Amino acid sequence: MQPRTYLKIGDKVRHLHYSLWGVGEVIEERNSTLPGGICLVRIIFEDGVERSFINNFDHEMCCYYTGIRLIEEFSLWET
């Protein structure tokens, strides 16, 4: 079964709870070939720090559930 990933290389993102990080860009995507393995993305933010997040919608700690949003999906009502 293939993981249901959220982000891909080059996507521009922001974090709902850490606006001081600024805009981020996905610079690396890693997917495990083992069944049940983990999928990760590495994002570099405007503050200069690279951060790694889980990138699988089926995982309870997926970066989407923890607050990472694509810039294109920005909503004024989501703060």
PDB file of N, CA and C in Angstrom:
ATOM      1  N   MET A   1       0.834  -1.176   0.000  1.00  0.00           N
ATOM      2  CA  MET A   1       0.000   0.000   0.000  1.00  0.00           C
ATOM      3  C   MET A   1       0.887   1.252   0.000  1.00  0.00           C
ATOM      4  N   GLN A   2       0.640   2.176  -0.913  1.00  0.00           N
ATOM      5  CA  GLN A   2       1.408   3.405  -1.026  1.00  0.00           C
ATOM      6  C   GLN A   2       0.959   4.409   0.043  1.00  0.00           C
ATOM      7  N   PRO A   3       1.916   5.134   0.626  1.00  0.00           N
ATOM      8  CA  PRO A   3       1.529   6.175   1.592  1.00  0.00           C
ATOM      9  C   PRO A   3       0.811   7.323   0.890  1.00  0.00           C
ATOM     10  N   ARG A   4      -0.082   7.958   1.604  1.00  0.00           N
ATOM     11  CA  ARG A   4      -0.793   9.121   1.061  1.00  0.00           C
ATOM     12  C   ARG A   4      -0.022  10.367   1.491  1.00  0.00           C
ATOM     13  N   THR A   5       0.838  10.857   0.616  1.00  0.00           N
ATOM     14  CA  THR A   5       1.686  11.983   0.980  1.00  0.00           C
ATOM     15  C   THR A   5       0.978  13.312   0.761  1.00  0.00           C
ATOM     16  N   TYR A   6       1.439  14.324   1.469  1.00  0.00           N
ATOM     17  CA  TYR A   6       0.830  15.652   1.449  1.00  0.00           C
ATOM     18  C   TYR A   6       1.672  16.630   0.632  1.00  0.00           C
ATOM     19  N   LEU A   7       2.981  16.667   0.881  1.00  0.00           N
ATOM     20  CA  LEU A   7       3.852  17.649   0.257  1.00  0.00           C
ATOM     21  C   LEU A   7       4.810  17.003  -0.733  1.00  0.00           C
ATOM     22  N   LYS A   8       5.295  17.813  -1.667  1.00  0.00           N
ATOM     23  CA  LYS A   8       6.322  17.352  -2.620  1.00  0.00           C
ATOM     24  C   LYS A   8       7.381  18.444  -2.734  1.00  0.00           C
ATOM     25  N   ILE A   9       8.515  18.106  -3.299  1.00  0.00           N
ATOM     26  CA  ILE A   9       9.623  19.052  -3.428  1.00  0.00           C
ATOM     27  C   ILE A   9       9.173  20.294  -4.193  1.00  0.00           C
ATOM     28  N   GLY A  10       9.545  21.443  -3.661  1.00  0.00           N
ATOM     29  CA  GLY A  10       9.212  22.717  -4.289  1.00  0.00           C
ATOM     30  C   GLY A  10       7.961  23.378  -3.751  1.00  0.00           C
ATOM     31  N   ASP A  11       7.143  22.661  -2.983  1.00  0.00           N
ATOM     32  CA  ASP A  11       5.929  23.255  -2.413  1.00  0.00           C
ATOM     33  C   ASP A  11       6.303  24.369  -1.430  1.00  0.00           C
ATOM     34  N   LYS A  12       5.532  25.433  -1.459  1.00  0.00           N
ATOM     35  CA  LYS A  12       5.693  26.548  -0.513  1.00  0.00           C
ATOM     36  C   LYS A  12       4.649  26.382   0.584  1.00  0.00           C
ATOM     37  N   VAL A  13       5.098  26.519   1.845  1.00  0.00           N
ATOM     38  CA  VAL A  13       4.222  26.255   2.984  1.00  0.00           C
ATOM     39  C   VAL A  13       4.384  27.330   4.056  1.00  0.00           C
ATOM     40  N   ARG A  14       3.470  27.296   5.011  1.00  0.00           N
ATOM     41  CA  ARG A  14       3.561  28.108   6.223  1.00  0.00           C
ATOM     42  C   ARG A  14       3.052  27.251   7.376  1.00  0.00           C
ATOM     43  N   HIS A  15       3.352  27.671   8.588  1.00  0.00           N
ATOM     44  CA  HIS A  15       2.861  26.955   9.766  1.00  0.00           C
ATOM     45  C   HIS A  15       1.817  27.817  10.456  1.00  0.00           C
ATOM     46  N   LEU A  16       0.677  27.212  10.789  1.00  0.00           N
ATOM     47  CA  LEU A  16      -0.428  27.947  11.412  1.00  0.00           C
ATOM     48  C   LEU A  16      -0.060  28.563  12.755  1.00  0.00           C
ATOM     49  N   HIS A  17       0.802  27.902  13.529  1.00  0.00           N
ATOM     50  CA  HIS A  17       1.078  28.326  14.898  1.00  0.00           C
ATOM     51  C   HIS A  17       2.423  29.036  15.060  1.00  0.00           C
ATOM     52  N   TYR A  18       3.278  28.986  14.051  1.00  0.00           N
ATOM     53  CA  TYR A  18       4.616  29.580  14.147  1.00  0.00           C
ATOM     54  C   TYR A  18       4.853  30.530  12.976  1.00  0.00           C
ATOM     55  N   SER A  19       4.134  31.627  12.960  1.00  0.00           N
ATOM     56  CA  SER A  19       4.250  32.577  11.852  1.00  0.00           C
ATOM     57  C   SER A  19       5.636  33.211  11.790  1.00  0.00           C
ATOM     58  N   LEU A  20       6.369  33.243  12.898  1.00  0.00           N
ATOM     59  CA  LEU A  20       7.719  33.812  12.904  1.00  0.00           C
ATOM     60  C   LEU A  20       8.696  33.006  12.044  1.00  0.00           C
ATOM     61  N   TRP A  21       8.365  31.747  11.768  1.00  0.00           N
ATOM     62  CA  TRP A  21       9.229  30.949  10.891  1.00  0.00           C
ATOM     63  C   TRP A  21       9.229  31.503   9.474  1.00  0.00           C
ATOM     64  N   GLY A  22       8.139  32.149   9.081  1.00  0.00           N
ATOM     65  CA  GLY A  22       8.004  32.668   7.724  1.00  0.00           C
ATOM     66  C   GLY A  22       7.560  31.580   6.758  1.00  0.00           C
ATOM     67  N   VAL A  23       7.715  31.866   5.481  1.00  0.00           N
ATOM     68  CA  VAL A  23       7.355  30.902   4.432  1.00  0.00           C
ATOM     69  C   VAL A  23       8.463  29.860   4.325  1.00  0.00           C
ATOM     70  N   GLY A  24       8.066  28.622   4.075  1.00  0.00           N
ATOM     71  CA  GLY A  24       9.025  27.539   3.912  1.00  0.00           C
ATOM     72  C   GLY A  24       8.899  26.904   2.546  1.00  0.00           C
ATOM     73  N   GLU A  25       9.960  26.219   2.144  1.00  0.00           N
ATOM     74  CA  GLU A  25       9.950  25.473   0.883  1.00  0.00           C
ATOM     75  C   GLU A  25      10.447  24.055   1.135  1.00  0.00           C
ATOM     76  N   VAL A  26       9.727  23.082   0.585  1.00  0.00           N
ATOM     77  CA  VAL A  26      10.117  21.677   0.733  1.00  0.00           C
ATOM     78  C   VAL A  26      11.369  21.444  -0.118  1.00  0.00           C
ATOM     79  N   ILE A  27      12.443  20.982   0.525  1.00  0.00           N
ATOM     80  CA  ILE A  27      13.698  20.762  -0.195  1.00  0.00           C
ATOM     81  C   ILE A  27      14.066  19.285  -0.315  1.00  0.00           C
ATOM     82  N   GLU A  28      13.389  18.429   0.445  1.00  0.00           N
ATOM     83  CA  GLU A  28      13.683  16.996   0.367  1.00  0.00           C
ATOM     84  C   GLU A  28      12.450  16.202   0.762  1.00  0.00           C
ATOM     85  N   GLU A  29      12.260  15.086   0.085  1.00  0.00           N
ATOM     86  CA  GLU A  29      11.153  14.173   0.386  1.00  0.00           C
ATOM     87  C   GLU A  29      11.740  12.773   0.455  1.00  0.00           C
ATOM     88  N   ARG A  30      11.454  12.072   1.530  1.00  0.00           N
ATOM     89  CA  ARG A  30      11.949  10.697   1.699  1.00  0.00           C
ATOM     90  C   ARG A  30      10.785   9.779   2.014  1.00  0.00           C
ATOM     91  N   ASN A  31      10.719   8.684   1.276  1.00  0.00           N
ATOM     92  CA  ASN A  31       9.657   7.695   1.476  1.00  0.00           C
ATOM     93  C   ASN A  31      10.286   6.332   1.702  1.00  0.00           C
ATOM     94  N   SER A  32       9.880   5.670   2.757  1.00  0.00           N
ATOM     95  CA  SER A  32      10.381   4.349   3.077  1.00  0.00           C
ATOM     96  C   SER A  32       9.835   3.328   2.078  1.00  0.00           C
ATOM     97  N   THR A  33      10.660   2.349   1.741  1.00  0.00           N
ATOM     98  CA  THR A  33      10.212   1.278   0.855  1.00  0.00           C
ATOM     99  C   THR A  33       9.644   0.104   1.646  1.00  0.00           C
ATOM    100  N   LEU A  34       9.768   0.149   2.959  1.00  0.00           N
ATOM    101  CA  LEU A  34       9.253  -0.920   3.806  1.00  0.00           C
ATOM    102  C   LEU A  34       7.776  -0.697   4.112  1.00  0.00           C
ATOM    103  N   PRO A  35       6.984  -1.754   4.175  1.00  0.00           N
ATOM    104  CA  PRO A  35       5.578  -1.598   4.546  1.00  0.00           C
ATOM    105  C   PRO A  35       5.474  -0.984   5.942  1.00  0.00           C
ATOM    106  N   GLY A  36       4.662   0.049   6.073  1.00  0.00           N
ATOM    107  CA  GLY A  36       4.514   0.724   7.357  1.00  0.00           C
ATOM    108  C   GLY A  36       5.634   1.695   7.667  1.00  0.00           C
ATOM    109  N   GLY A  37       6.551   1.890   6.722  1.00  0.00           N
ATOM    110  CA  GLY A  37       7.671   2.807   6.929  1.00  0.00           C
ATOM    111  C   GLY A  37       7.219   4.258   6.947  1.00  0.00           C
ATOM    112  N   ILE A  38       8.130   5.112   7.325  1.00  0.00           N
ATOM    113  CA  ILE A  38       7.789   6.523   7.519  1.00  0.00           C
ATOM    114  C   ILE A  38       8.118   7.343   6.267  1.00  0.00           C
ATOM    115  N   CYS A  39       7.350   8.407   6.050  1.00  0.00           N
ATOM    116  CA  CYS A  39       7.578   9.361   4.961  1.00  0.00           C
ATOM    117  C   CYS A  39       7.901  10.704   5.605  1.00  0.00           C
ATOM    118  N   LEU A  40       9.004  11.303   5.199  1.00  0.00           N
ATOM    119  CA  LEU A  40       9.431  12.568   5.770  1.00  0.00           C
ATOM    120  C   LEU A  40       9.626  13.628   4.700  1.00  0.00           C
ATOM    121  N   VAL A  41       9.466  14.878   5.094  1.00  0.00           N
ATOM    122  CA  VAL A  41       9.855  16.003   4.251  1.00  0.00           C
ATOM    123  C   VAL A  41      10.746  16.916   5.082  1.00  0.00           C
ATOM    124  N   ARG A  42      11.682  17.557   4.395  1.00  0.00           N
ATOM    125  CA  ARG A  42      12.540  18.542   5.033  1.00  0.00           C
ATOM    126  C   ARG A  42      12.191  19.890   4.425  1.00  0.00           C
ATOM    127  N   ILE A  43      11.941  20.863   5.286  1.00  0.00           N
ATOM    128  CA  ILE A  43      11.497  22.190   4.852  1.00  0.00           C
ATOM    129  C   ILE A  43      12.462  23.232   5.402  1.00  0.00           C
ATOM    130  N   ILE A  44      12.888  24.149   4.539  1.00  0.00           N
ATOM    131  CA  ILE A  44      13.691  25.277   5.012  1.00  0.00           C
ATOM    132  C   ILE A  44      12.795  26.503   5.045  1.00  0.00           C
ATOM    133  N   PHE A  45      12.787  27.161   6.207  1.00  0.00           N
ATOM    134  CA  PHE A  45      11.935  28.321   6.416  1.00  0.00           C
ATOM    135  C   PHE A  45      12.753  29.606   6.286  1.00  0.00           C
ATOM    136  N   GLU A  46      12.049  30.721   6.185  1.00  0.00           N
ATOM    137  CA  GLU A  46      12.703  32.026   6.026  1.00  0.00           C
ATOM    138  C   GLU A  46      13.604  32.379   7.203  1.00  0.00           C
ATOM    139  N   ASP A  47      13.378  31.789   8.364  1.00  0.00           N
ATOM    140  CA  ASP A  47      14.243  32.062   9.511  1.00  0.00           C
ATOM    141  C   ASP A  47      15.582  31.333   9.401  1.00  0.00           C
ATOM    142  N   GLY A  48      15.765  30.564   8.313  1.00  0.00           N
ATOM    143  CA  GLY A  48      17.040  29.892   8.055  1.00  0.00           C
ATOM    144  C   GLY A  48      17.175  28.508   8.663  1.00  0.00           C
ATOM    145  N   VAL A  49      16.153  28.025   9.325  1.00  0.00           N
ATOM    146  CA  VAL A  49      16.208  26.721   9.987  1.00  0.00           C
ATOM    147  C   VAL A  49      15.502  25.671   9.131  1.00  0.00           C
ATOM    148  N   GLU A  50      16.170  24.515   8.984  1.00  0.00           N
ATOM    149  CA  GLU A  50      15.552  23.378   8.292  1.00  0.00           C
ATOM    150  C   GLU A  50      14.836  22.524   9.333  1.00  0.00           C
ATOM    151  N   ARG A  51      13.607  22.162   9.016  1.00  0.00           N
ATOM    152  CA  ARG A  51      12.821  21.341   9.938  1.00  0.00           C
ATOM    153  C   ARG A  51      12.260  20.150   9.181  1.00  0.00           C
ATOM    154  N   SER A  52      12.163  19.011   9.859  1.00  0.00           N
ATOM    155  CA  SER A  52      11.644  17.791   9.242  1.00  0.00           C
ATOM    156  C   SER A  52      10.285  17.459   9.825  1.00  0.00           C
ATOM    157  N   PHE A  53       9.417  16.948   8.954  1.00  0.00           N
ATOM    158  CA  PHE A  53       8.050  16.615   9.354  1.00  0.00           C
ATOM    159  C   PHE A  53       7.633  15.297   8.713  1.00  0.00           C
ATOM    160  N   ILE A  54       6.698  14.609   9.360  1.00  0.00           N
ATOM    161  CA  ILE A  54       6.102  13.399   8.789  1.00  0.00           C
ATOM    162  C   ILE A  54       5.149  13.829   7.681  1.00  0.00           C
ATOM    163  N   ASN A  55       5.191  13.107   6.552  1.00  0.00           N
ATOM    164  CA  ASN A  55       4.460  13.523   5.347  1.00  0.00           C
ATOM    165  C   ASN A  55       3.456  12.468   4.892  1.00  0.00           C
ATOM    166  N   ASN A  56       2.814  11.797   5.807  1.00  0.00           N
ATOM    167  CA  ASN A  56       1.881  10.734   5.464  1.00  0.00           C
ATOM    168  C   ASN A  56       0.539  11.008   6.140  1.00  0.00           C
ATOM    169  N   PHE A  57      -0.521  11.247   5.328  1.00  0.00           N
ATOM    170  CA  PHE A  57      -1.851  11.527   5.880  1.00  0.00           C
ATOM    171  C   PHE A  57      -2.355  10.428   6.803  1.00  0.00           C
ATOM    172  N   ASP A  58      -1.875   9.207   6.639  1.00  0.00           N
ATOM    173  CA  ASP A  58      -2.336   8.096   7.475  1.00  0.00           C
ATOM    174  C   ASP A  58      -1.691   8.084   8.858  1.00  0.00           C
ATOM    175  N   HIS A  59      -0.696   8.940   9.087  1.00  0.00           N
ATOM    176  CA  HIS A  59      -0.008   9.017  10.368  1.00  0.00           C
ATOM    177  C   HIS A  59      -0.619  10.146  11.196  1.00  0.00           C
ATOM    178  N   GLU A  60      -0.860   9.902  12.483  1.00  0.00           N
ATOM    179  CA  GLU A  60      -1.507  10.909  13.331  1.00  0.00           C
ATOM    180  C   GLU A  60      -0.664  12.171  13.520  1.00  0.00           C
ATOM    181  N   MET A  61       0.636  12.101  13.244  1.00  0.00           N
ATOM    182  CA  MET A  61       1.512  13.264  13.378  1.00  0.00           C
ATOM    183  C   MET A  61       1.907  13.848  12.017  1.00  0.00           C
ATOM    184  N   CYS A  62       1.092  13.614  11.001  1.00  0.00           N
ATOM    185  CA  CYS A  62       1.338  14.177   9.676  1.00  0.00           C
ATOM    186  C   CYS A  62       1.487  15.697   9.791  1.00  0.00           C
ATOM    187  N   CYS A  63       2.366  16.266   8.987  1.00  0.00           N
ATOM    188  CA  CYS A  63       2.606  17.708   9.064  1.00  0.00           C
ATOM    189  C   CYS A  63       1.329  18.521   8.836  1.00  0.00           C
ATOM    190  N   TYR A  64       0.384  18.009   8.077  1.00  0.00           N
ATOM    191  CA  TYR A  64      -0.886  18.717   7.886  1.00  0.00           C
ATOM    192  C   TYR A  64      -1.633  18.850   9.212  1.00  0.00           C
ATOM    193  N   TYR A  65      -1.694  17.759   9.971  1.00  0.00           N
ATOM    194  CA  TYR A  65      -2.425  17.766  11.240  1.00  0.00           C
ATOM    195  C   TYR A  65      -1.733  18.623  12.296  1.00  0.00           C
ATOM    196  N   THR A  66      -0.414  18.835  12.153  1.00  0.00           N
ATOM    197  CA  THR A  66       0.323  19.640  13.131  1.00  0.00           C
ATOM    198  C   THR A  66       0.412  21.105  12.748  1.00  0.00           C
ATOM    199  N   GLY A  67      -0.152  21.499  11.592  1.00  0.00           N
ATOM    200  CA  GLY A  67      -0.242  22.919  11.277  1.00  0.00           C
ATOM    201  C   GLY A  67       0.423  23.399  10.005  1.00  0.00           C
ATOM    202  N   ILE A  68       1.067  22.530   9.253  1.00  0.00           N
ATOM    203  CA  ILE A  68       1.704  22.945   7.996  1.00  0.00           C
ATOM    204  C   ILE A  68       0.632  23.054   6.915  1.00  0.00           C
ATOM    205  N   ARG A  69       0.597  24.205   6.224  1.00  0.00           N
ATOM    206  CA  ARG A  69      -0.379  24.430   5.151  1.00  0.00           C
ATOM    207  C   ARG A  69       0.324  24.922   3.896  1.00  0.00           C
ATOM    208  N   LEU A  70      -0.154  24.439   2.764  1.00  0.00           N
ATOM    209  CA  LEU A  70       0.331  24.934   1.487  1.00  0.00           C
ATOM    210  C   LEU A  70      -0.083  26.394   1.347  1.00  0.00           C
ATOM    211  N   ILE A  71       0.769  27.202   0.761  1.00  0.00           N
ATOM    212  CA  ILE A  71       0.462  28.618   0.570  1.00  0.00           C
ATOM    213  C   ILE A  71      -0.793  28.771  -0.287  1.00  0.00           C
ATOM    214  N   GLU A  72      -0.955  27.941  -1.321  1.00  0.00           N
ATOM    215  CA  GLU A  72      -2.115  28.029  -2.204  1.00  0.00           C
ATOM    216  C   GLU A  72      -3.428  27.751  -1.478  1.00  0.00           C
ATOM    217  N   GLU A  73      -3.350  27.039  -0.348  1.00  0.00           N
ATOM    218  CA  GLU A  73      -4.554  26.700   0.403  1.00  0.00           C
ATOM    219  C   GLU A  73      -4.818  27.683   1.532  1.00  0.00           C
ATOM    220  N   PHE A  74      -4.186  28.844   1.500  1.00  0.00           N
ATOM    221  CA  PHE A  74      -4.329  29.831   2.571  1.00  0.00           C
ATOM    222  C   PHE A  74      -5.778  30.291   2.720  1.00  0.00           C
ATOM    223  N   SER A  75      -6.221  30.350   3.929  1.00  0.00           N
ATOM    224  CA  SER A  75      -7.574  30.817   4.227  1.00  0.00           C
ATOM    225  C   SER A  75      -7.502  31.883   5.316  1.00  0.00           C
ATOM    226  N   LEU A  76      -8.158  32.997   5.114  1.00  0.00           N
ATOM    227  CA  LEU A  76      -8.161  34.054   6.115  1.00  0.00           C
ATOM    228  C   LEU A  76      -8.791  33.605   7.423  1.00  0.00           C
ATOM    229  N   TRP A  77      -9.646  32.598   7.349  1.00  0.00           N
ATOM    230  CA  TRP A  77     -10.369  32.140   8.533  1.00  0.00           C
ATOM    231  C   TRP A  77      -9.587  31.135   9.345  1.00  0.00           C
ATOM    232  N   GLU A  78      -8.451  30.643   8.827  1.00  0.00           N
ATOM    233  CA  GLU A  78      -7.615  29.676   9.530  1.00  0.00           C
ATOM    234  C   GLU A  78      -6.441  30.400  10.147  1.00  0.00           C
ATOM    235  N   THR A  79      -6.495  30.723  11.422  1.00  0.00           N
ATOM    236  CA  THR A  79      -5.394  31.428  12.082  1.00  0.00           C
ATOM    237  C   THR A  79      -4.970  30.720  13.335  1.00  0.00           C
TER     238      THR A  79
END
